[in-house]
């Protein structure tokens, strides 16, 4: 029996490629969001570090009004940068949802063809097994007939 070939393999390959492209697009957007979140976390960490340093200076009484102003500016600028990053993250959310929806659609389209391929492969295997069983039965019948003739 000839080898299994799936006539829609090129369509399946195209759908897999499309799904992979959309997944990569989603990964790029999510990585941008994660980068913004990392910036936020870094700024928050730096604010806490500066607060503890300034608190230590305050306890020791070795701070100057200029340092207090600089610290306050740093905190204000950092908080604005955190808010800006949060805004960019929120702006990306509709795009993320849209790309995720496209990814779900692409996955469904690929799975349809993939299921069809599995069904065709199962049909092929079933036919192949039937053919092999038929050949085995025929050869066993011939062997039986030959032995029957030999003993007679």
N, C-alpha and C. Protein backbone atom coordinates (compact mmCIF):
# COMPACT_ATOMS: atom_id res chain seq x y z
N UNK A 1 0.85 -1.18 0.00
CA UNK A 1 0.00 0.00 0.00
C UNK A 1 0.89 1.24 0.00
N UNK A 2 0.43 2.27 -0.67
CA UNK A 2 1.26 3.46 -0.78
C UNK A 2 1.32 4.23 0.54
N UNK A 3 2.31 5.10 0.62
CA UNK A 3 2.55 5.89 1.82
C UNK A 3 1.42 6.90 2.05
N UNK A 4 1.16 7.23 3.32
CA UNK A 4 0.10 8.18 3.66
C UNK A 4 0.50 9.58 3.20
N UNK A 5 -0.38 10.21 2.45
CA UNK A 5 -0.18 11.60 2.06
C UNK A 5 -1.46 12.36 2.37
N UNK A 6 -1.29 13.53 2.94
CA UNK A 6 -2.42 14.38 3.29
C UNK A 6 -2.47 15.49 2.25
N UNK A 7 -3.55 15.51 1.48
CA UNK A 7 -3.64 16.47 0.37
C UNK A 7 -3.68 17.92 0.84
N UNK A 8 -4.12 18.15 2.07
CA UNK A 8 -4.22 19.52 2.58
C UNK A 8 -3.03 19.92 3.45
N UNK A 9 -1.91 19.22 3.28
CA UNK A 9 -0.74 19.50 4.11
C UNK A 9 -0.23 20.92 3.92
N UNK A 10 -0.26 21.43 2.69
CA UNK A 10 0.20 22.81 2.47
C UNK A 10 -0.71 23.80 3.20
N UNK A 11 -2.01 23.53 3.19
CA UNK A 11 -2.94 24.41 3.92
C UNK A 11 -2.65 24.34 5.42
N UNK A 12 -2.39 23.15 5.92
CA UNK A 12 -2.05 23.00 7.34
C UNK A 12 -0.76 23.75 7.66
N UNK A 13 0.23 23.63 6.79
CA UNK A 13 1.49 24.35 7.00
C UNK A 13 1.27 25.86 7.02
N UNK A 14 0.43 26.35 6.10
CA UNK A 14 0.14 27.79 6.07
C UNK A 14 -0.55 28.24 7.35
N UNK A 15 -1.48 27.44 7.82
CA UNK A 15 -2.21 27.82 9.04
C UNK A 15 -1.29 27.76 10.26
N UNK A 16 -0.39 26.80 10.30
CA UNK A 16 0.57 26.73 11.40
C UNK A 16 1.51 27.93 11.37
N UNK A 17 1.94 28.31 10.16
CA UNK A 17 2.81 29.47 10.02
C UNK A 17 2.09 30.74 10.46
N UNK A 18 0.84 30.88 10.05
CA UNK A 18 0.06 32.06 10.43
C UNK A 18 -0.11 32.13 11.95
N UNK A 19 -0.40 31.00 12.55
CA UNK A 19 -0.56 30.96 14.01
C UNK A 19 0.76 31.34 14.70
N UNK A 20 1.86 30.83 14.18
CA UNK A 20 3.18 31.15 14.75
C UNK A 20 3.48 32.64 14.62
N UNK A 21 3.13 33.24 13.47
CA UNK A 21 3.36 34.68 13.28
C UNK A 21 2.55 35.50 14.27
N UNK A 22 1.30 35.13 14.46
CA UNK A 22 0.45 35.86 15.40
C UNK A 22 0.97 35.68 16.83
N UNK A 23 1.42 34.46 17.15
CA UNK A 23 1.98 34.22 18.49
C UNK A 23 3.22 35.09 18.71
N UNK A 24 4.06 35.22 17.67
CA UNK A 24 5.25 36.07 17.79
C UNK A 24 4.86 37.54 17.95
N UNK A 25 3.83 37.96 17.22
CA UNK A 25 3.35 39.34 17.34
C UNK A 25 2.87 39.60 18.77
N UNK A 26 2.12 38.66 19.32
CA UNK A 26 1.63 38.80 20.69
C UNK A 26 2.81 38.83 21.67
N UNK A 27 3.80 38.01 21.43
CA UNK A 27 4.96 37.97 22.31
C UNK A 27 5.70 39.31 22.31
N UNK A 28 5.78 39.95 21.15
CA UNK A 28 6.44 41.26 21.08
C UNK A 28 5.70 42.29 21.91
N UNK A 29 4.38 42.31 21.77
CA UNK A 29 3.58 43.29 22.50
C UNK A 29 3.65 43.03 24.00
N UNK A 30 3.54 41.77 24.38
CA UNK A 30 3.59 41.43 25.80
C UNK A 30 4.97 41.74 26.37
N UNK A 31 6.02 41.53 25.57
CA UNK A 31 7.36 41.85 26.06
C UNK A 31 7.52 43.35 26.27
N UNK A 32 6.89 44.16 25.40
CA UNK A 32 6.91 45.61 25.62
C UNK A 32 6.20 45.96 26.92
N UNK A 33 5.06 45.34 27.15
CA UNK A 33 4.34 45.58 28.41
C UNK A 33 5.20 45.16 29.60
N UNK A 34 5.83 44.02 29.49
CA UNK A 34 6.67 43.54 30.59
C UNK A 34 7.86 44.46 30.83
N UNK A 35 8.40 45.01 29.76
CA UNK A 35 9.50 45.96 29.90
C UNK A 35 9.03 47.20 30.67
N UNK A 36 7.82 47.68 30.34
CA UNK A 36 7.27 48.82 31.07
C UNK A 36 7.04 48.46 32.54
N UNK A 37 6.56 47.26 32.79
CA UNK A 37 6.35 46.83 34.18
C UNK A 37 7.68 46.72 34.93
N UNK A 38 8.71 46.26 34.23
CA UNK A 38 10.03 46.19 34.85
C UNK A 38 10.55 47.58 35.19
N UNK A 39 10.31 48.54 34.29
CA UNK A 39 10.71 49.93 34.58
C UNK A 39 9.99 50.43 35.82
N UNK A 40 8.69 50.14 35.90
CA UNK A 40 7.92 50.56 37.07
C UNK A 40 8.50 49.94 38.35
N UNK A 41 8.75 48.66 38.31
CA UNK A 41 9.28 47.97 39.49
C UNK A 41 10.65 48.54 39.87
N UNK A 42 11.48 48.82 38.87
CA UNK A 42 12.79 49.39 39.14
C UNK A 42 12.67 50.77 39.77
N UNK A 43 11.77 51.59 39.24
CA UNK A 43 11.58 52.93 39.81
C UNK A 43 11.05 52.84 41.24
N UNK A 44 10.12 51.95 41.47
CA UNK A 44 9.59 51.78 42.84
C UNK A 44 10.69 51.33 43.80
N UNK A 45 11.52 50.42 43.33
CA UNK A 45 12.63 49.94 44.16
C UNK A 45 13.60 51.08 44.47
N UNK A 46 13.91 51.88 43.45
CA UNK A 46 14.83 53.00 43.66
C UNK A 46 14.23 54.05 44.59
N UNK A 47 12.92 54.27 44.49
CA UNK A 47 12.26 55.21 45.40
C UNK A 47 12.40 54.71 46.84
N UNK A 48 12.15 53.42 47.04
CA UNK A 48 12.26 52.85 48.39
C UNK A 48 13.69 52.95 48.91
N UNK A 49 14.67 52.69 48.03
CA UNK A 49 16.07 52.82 48.45
C UNK A 49 16.37 54.24 48.88
N UNK A 50 15.93 55.20 48.07
CA UNK A 50 16.18 56.61 48.40
C UNK A 50 15.44 57.03 49.67
N UNK A 51 14.23 56.49 49.85
CA UNK A 51 13.49 56.80 51.08
C UNK A 51 14.25 56.31 52.30
N UNK A 52 14.78 55.10 52.22
CA UNK A 52 15.51 54.57 53.37
C UNK A 52 16.79 55.36 53.61
N UNK A 53 17.49 55.73 52.53
CA UNK A 53 18.70 56.54 52.69
C UNK A 53 18.37 57.90 53.29
N UNK A 54 17.31 58.51 52.78
CA UNK A 54 16.92 59.82 53.29
C UNK A 54 16.44 59.70 54.73
N UNK A 55 15.72 58.61 55.05
CA UNK A 55 15.28 58.38 56.43
C UNK A 55 16.45 58.22 57.38
N UNK A 56 17.50 57.52 56.93
CA UNK A 56 18.70 57.37 57.76
C UNK A 56 19.35 58.72 58.01
N UNK A 57 19.45 59.53 56.95
CA UNK A 57 20.04 60.86 57.11
C UNK A 57 19.18 61.71 58.04
N UNK A 58 17.88 61.56 57.93
CA UNK A 58 16.96 62.32 58.77
C UNK A 58 17.13 61.93 60.24
N UNK A 59 17.29 60.63 60.51
CA UNK A 59 17.48 60.16 61.88
C UNK A 59 18.80 60.66 62.46
N UNK A 60 19.82 60.68 61.61
CA UNK A 60 21.13 61.16 62.07
C UNK A 60 21.18 62.68 62.14
N UNK A 61 20.25 63.31 61.45
CA UNK A 61 20.24 64.77 61.43
C UNK A 61 21.29 65.35 60.51
N UNK A 62 21.71 64.57 59.51
CA UNK A 62 22.77 65.03 58.61
C UNK A 62 22.26 65.31 57.21
N UNK A 63 21.03 65.76 57.11
CA UNK A 63 20.51 66.08 55.79
C UNK A 63 20.47 67.59 55.63
N UNK A 64 20.46 67.99 54.37
CA UNK A 64 20.37 69.42 54.08
C UNK A 64 19.05 69.68 53.37
N UNK A 65 18.57 70.91 53.42
CA UNK A 65 17.32 71.22 52.71
C UNK A 65 17.43 70.95 51.20
N UNK A 66 18.61 71.15 50.66
CA UNK A 66 18.82 70.88 49.24
C UNK A 66 18.63 69.42 48.91
N UNK A 67 19.13 68.55 49.80
CA UNK A 67 18.94 67.11 49.61
C UNK A 67 17.46 66.74 49.68
N UNK A 68 16.74 67.39 50.59
CA UNK A 68 15.30 67.12 50.71
C UNK A 68 14.57 67.52 49.43
N UNK A 69 14.96 68.65 48.86
CA UNK A 69 14.33 69.11 47.62
C UNK A 69 14.66 68.14 46.48
N UNK A 70 15.92 67.73 46.41
CA UNK A 70 16.33 66.79 45.36
C UNK A 70 15.59 65.47 45.51
N UNK A 71 15.48 64.99 46.75
CA UNK A 71 14.75 63.75 47.00
C UNK A 71 13.29 63.88 46.57
N UNK A 72 12.67 65.00 46.93
CA UNK A 72 11.27 65.22 46.57
C UNK A 72 11.09 65.27 45.06
N UNK A 73 12.01 65.92 44.36
CA UNK A 73 11.95 65.97 42.89
C UNK A 73 12.10 64.57 42.30
N UNK A 74 13.07 63.81 42.84
CA UNK A 74 13.28 62.45 42.36
C UNK A 74 12.02 61.62 42.50
N UNK A 75 11.38 61.72 43.67
CA UNK A 75 10.16 60.95 43.90
C UNK A 75 9.06 61.40 42.94
N UNK A 76 8.90 62.72 42.76
CA UNK A 76 7.86 63.22 41.85
C UNK A 76 8.09 62.75 40.42
N UNK A 77 9.33 62.89 39.94
CA UNK A 77 9.64 62.48 38.57
C UNK A 77 9.45 60.97 38.42
N UNK A 78 9.88 60.22 39.40
CA UNK A 78 9.74 58.76 39.33
C UNK A 78 8.28 58.35 39.33
N UNK A 79 7.47 58.99 40.17
CA UNK A 79 6.04 58.65 40.21
C UNK A 79 5.35 59.02 38.90
N UNK A 80 5.76 60.14 38.30
CA UNK A 80 5.20 60.50 36.99
C UNK A 80 5.61 59.48 35.93
N UNK A 81 6.86 59.02 35.99
CA UNK A 81 7.33 58.01 35.04
C UNK A 81 6.56 56.70 35.24
N UNK A 82 6.27 56.35 36.48
CA UNK A 82 5.50 55.13 36.76
C UNK A 82 4.10 55.27 36.20
N UNK A 83 3.48 56.44 36.40
CA UNK A 83 2.13 56.68 35.86
C UNK A 83 2.13 56.65 34.34
N UNK A 84 3.15 57.23 33.73
CA UNK A 84 3.26 57.23 32.27
C UNK A 84 3.39 55.79 31.75
N UNK A 85 4.22 55.01 32.40
CA UNK A 85 4.40 53.61 32.00
C UNK A 85 3.09 52.85 32.16
N UNK A 86 2.35 53.12 33.23
CA UNK A 86 1.06 52.46 33.44
C UNK A 86 0.09 52.84 32.32
N UNK A 87 0.14 54.10 31.90
CA UNK A 87 -0.71 54.54 30.78
C UNK A 87 -0.36 53.82 29.50
N UNK A 88 0.93 53.66 29.24
CA UNK A 88 1.35 52.93 28.03
C UNK A 88 0.90 51.47 28.09
N UNK A 89 0.98 50.88 29.27
CA UNK A 89 0.54 49.49 29.43
C UNK A 89 -0.95 49.39 29.14
N UNK A 90 -1.73 50.32 29.69
CA UNK A 90 -3.18 50.31 29.46
C UNK A 90 -3.51 50.56 27.99
N UNK A 91 -2.72 51.41 27.32
CA UNK A 91 -2.95 51.67 25.89
C UNK A 91 -2.71 50.42 25.05
N UNK A 92 -1.81 49.57 25.50
CA UNK A 92 -1.49 48.34 24.74
C UNK A 92 -2.54 47.25 24.95
N UNK A 93 -3.32 47.34 26.01
CA UNK A 93 -4.28 46.27 26.34
C UNK A 93 -5.28 45.97 25.22
N UNK A 94 -5.90 46.99 24.58
CA UNK A 94 -6.82 46.65 23.48
C UNK A 94 -6.12 45.90 22.35
N UNK A 95 -4.89 46.31 22.05
CA UNK A 95 -4.13 45.63 21.01
C UNK A 95 -3.83 44.19 21.42
N UNK A 96 -3.49 43.99 22.68
CA UNK A 96 -3.22 42.63 23.17
C UNK A 96 -4.47 41.77 23.05
N UNK A 97 -5.62 42.33 23.44
CA UNK A 97 -6.88 41.57 23.34
C UNK A 97 -7.19 41.22 21.89
N UNK A 98 -6.96 42.18 20.99
CA UNK A 98 -7.25 41.95 19.56
C UNK A 98 -6.33 40.86 19.00
N UNK A 99 -5.05 40.92 19.34
CA UNK A 99 -4.10 39.92 18.84
C UNK A 99 -4.41 38.55 19.45
N UNK A 100 -4.79 38.53 20.73
CA UNK A 100 -5.17 37.25 21.34
C UNK A 100 -6.39 36.65 20.65
N UNK A 101 -7.35 37.49 20.30
CA UNK A 101 -8.54 36.99 19.59
C UNK A 101 -8.14 36.42 18.23
N UNK A 102 -7.24 37.12 17.53
CA UNK A 102 -6.77 36.60 16.24
C UNK A 102 -6.02 35.28 16.43
N UNK A 103 -5.26 35.18 17.52
CA UNK A 103 -4.53 33.94 17.80
C UNK A 103 -5.49 32.79 18.06
N UNK A 104 -6.56 33.06 18.79
CA UNK A 104 -7.56 32.02 19.04
C UNK A 104 -8.19 31.57 17.73
N UNK A 105 -8.53 32.53 16.86
CA UNK A 105 -9.12 32.18 15.57
C UNK A 105 -8.14 31.36 14.72
N UNK A 106 -6.88 31.78 14.70
CA UNK A 106 -5.88 31.05 13.92
C UNK A 106 -5.67 29.64 14.48
N UNK A 107 -5.69 29.51 15.80
CA UNK A 107 -5.54 28.18 16.41
C UNK A 107 -6.71 27.28 16.05
N UNK A 108 -7.91 27.84 16.08
CA UNK A 108 -9.09 27.04 15.70
C UNK A 108 -8.99 26.59 14.25
N UNK A 109 -8.59 27.51 13.37
CA UNK A 109 -8.47 27.17 11.94
C UNK A 109 -7.44 26.06 11.74
N UNK A 110 -6.32 26.15 12.45
CA UNK A 110 -5.29 25.12 12.33
C UNK A 110 -5.79 23.79 12.89
N UNK A 111 -6.48 23.85 14.02
CA UNK A 111 -6.96 22.62 14.65
C UNK A 111 -7.97 21.89 13.78
N UNK A 112 -8.78 22.64 13.02
CA UNK A 112 -9.75 22.01 12.13
C UNK A 112 -9.03 21.14 11.11
N UNK A 113 -8.02 21.71 10.47
CA UNK A 113 -7.27 20.96 9.45
C UNK A 113 -6.46 19.85 10.11
N UNK A 114 -5.93 20.12 11.30
CA UNK A 114 -5.16 19.11 12.02
C UNK A 114 -6.03 17.91 12.39
N UNK A 115 -7.25 18.16 12.85
CA UNK A 115 -8.18 17.07 13.18
C UNK A 115 -8.53 16.27 11.93
N UNK A 116 -8.72 16.97 10.81
CA UNK A 116 -9.01 16.29 9.56
C UNK A 116 -7.83 15.39 9.17
N UNK A 117 -6.62 15.89 9.36
CA UNK A 117 -5.44 15.08 9.05
C UNK A 117 -5.40 13.84 9.94
N UNK A 118 -5.69 14.02 11.23
CA UNK A 118 -5.70 12.87 12.14
C UNK A 118 -6.75 11.85 11.72
N UNK A 119 -7.92 12.34 11.32
CA UNK A 119 -8.99 11.43 10.89
C UNK A 119 -8.57 10.67 9.64
N UNK A 120 -7.98 11.38 8.67
CA UNK A 120 -7.53 10.73 7.44
C UNK A 120 -6.42 9.71 7.73
N UNK A 121 -5.54 10.05 8.65
CA UNK A 121 -4.46 9.13 9.01
C UNK A 121 -5.04 7.88 9.68
N UNK A 122 -6.04 8.07 10.54
CA UNK A 122 -6.68 6.92 11.19
C UNK A 122 -7.36 6.04 10.15
N UNK A 123 -8.02 6.65 9.17
CA UNK A 123 -8.66 5.88 8.09
C UNK A 123 -7.61 5.11 7.30
N UNK A 124 -6.49 5.77 7.00
CA UNK A 124 -5.40 5.13 6.28
C UNK A 124 -4.86 3.94 7.07
N UNK A 125 -4.61 4.16 8.37
CA UNK A 125 -4.09 3.08 9.22
C UNK A 125 -5.07 1.92 9.29
N UNK A 126 -6.35 2.23 9.39
CA UNK A 126 -7.38 1.19 9.45
C UNK A 126 -7.35 0.36 8.16
N UNK A 127 -7.30 1.04 7.02
CA UNK A 127 -7.24 0.34 5.73
C UNK A 127 -5.98 -0.49 5.60
N UNK A 128 -4.87 0.07 6.05
CA UNK A 128 -3.60 -0.65 6.00
C UNK A 128 -3.65 -1.90 6.87
N UNK A 129 -4.18 -1.76 8.06
CA UNK A 129 -4.29 -2.92 8.96
C UNK A 129 -5.22 -3.99 8.39
N UNK A 130 -6.31 -3.56 7.77
CA UNK A 130 -7.21 -4.53 7.14
C UNK A 130 -6.51 -5.27 6.02
N UNK A 131 -5.75 -4.53 5.22
CA UNK A 131 -5.04 -5.14 4.10
C UNK A 131 -3.99 -6.13 4.62
N UNK A 132 -3.26 -5.75 5.66
CA UNK A 132 -2.27 -6.66 6.24
C UNK A 132 -2.93 -7.90 6.82
N UNK A 133 -4.05 -7.71 7.49
CA UNK A 133 -4.77 -8.86 8.06
C UNK A 133 -5.25 -9.78 6.95
N UNK A 134 -5.70 -9.19 5.85
CA UNK A 134 -6.17 -9.99 4.71
C UNK A 134 -5.01 -10.80 4.12
N UNK A 135 -3.85 -10.14 3.96
CA UNK A 135 -2.67 -10.84 3.43
C UNK A 135 -2.25 -11.96 4.38
N UNK A 136 -2.28 -11.70 5.68
CA UNK A 136 -1.91 -12.74 6.66
C UNK A 136 -2.88 -13.92 6.58
N UNK A 137 -4.16 -13.61 6.48
CA UNK A 137 -5.15 -14.69 6.37
C UNK A 137 -4.92 -15.52 5.12
N UNK A 138 -4.63 -14.85 4.00
CA UNK A 138 -4.39 -15.58 2.75
C UNK A 138 -3.16 -16.46 2.86
N UNK A 139 -2.08 -15.91 3.42
CA UNK A 139 -0.86 -16.71 3.53
C UNK A 139 -1.06 -17.86 4.52
N UNK A 140 -1.78 -17.62 5.60
CA UNK A 140 -2.07 -18.71 6.54
C UNK A 140 -2.94 -19.78 5.88
N UNK A 141 -3.89 -19.38 5.05
CA UNK A 141 -4.74 -20.34 4.33
C UNK A 141 -3.89 -21.19 3.40
N UNK A 142 -2.97 -20.54 2.66
CA UNK A 142 -2.10 -21.29 1.75
C UNK A 142 -1.23 -22.27 2.51
N UNK A 143 -0.68 -21.83 3.64
CA UNK A 143 0.16 -22.72 4.44
C UNK A 143 -0.66 -23.91 4.94
N UNK A 144 -1.86 -23.64 5.39
CA UNK A 144 -2.74 -24.70 5.88
C UNK A 144 -3.06 -25.69 4.77
N UNK A 145 -3.38 -25.15 3.58
CA UNK A 145 -3.69 -26.03 2.45
C UNK A 145 -2.48 -26.86 2.06
N UNK A 146 -1.29 -26.25 2.07
CA UNK A 146 -0.07 -26.99 1.72
C UNK A 146 0.18 -28.11 2.73
N UNK A 147 0.02 -27.84 3.99
CA UNK A 147 0.24 -28.86 5.02
C UNK A 147 -0.81 -29.97 4.93
N UNK A 148 -2.01 -29.56 4.58
CA UNK A 148 -3.10 -30.53 4.44
C UNK A 148 -2.79 -31.50 3.29
N UNK A 149 -2.25 -30.96 2.18
CA UNK A 149 -1.88 -31.80 1.04
C UNK A 149 -0.72 -32.71 1.40
N UNK A 150 0.25 -32.19 2.19
CA UNK A 150 1.41 -32.98 2.57
C UNK A 150 1.01 -34.16 3.46
N UNK A 151 0.08 -33.96 4.34
CA UNK A 151 -0.33 -35.03 5.26
C UNK A 151 -1.26 -36.03 4.59
N UNK A 152 -1.87 -35.66 3.50
CA UNK A 152 -2.81 -36.57 2.84
C UNK A 152 -2.15 -37.54 1.91
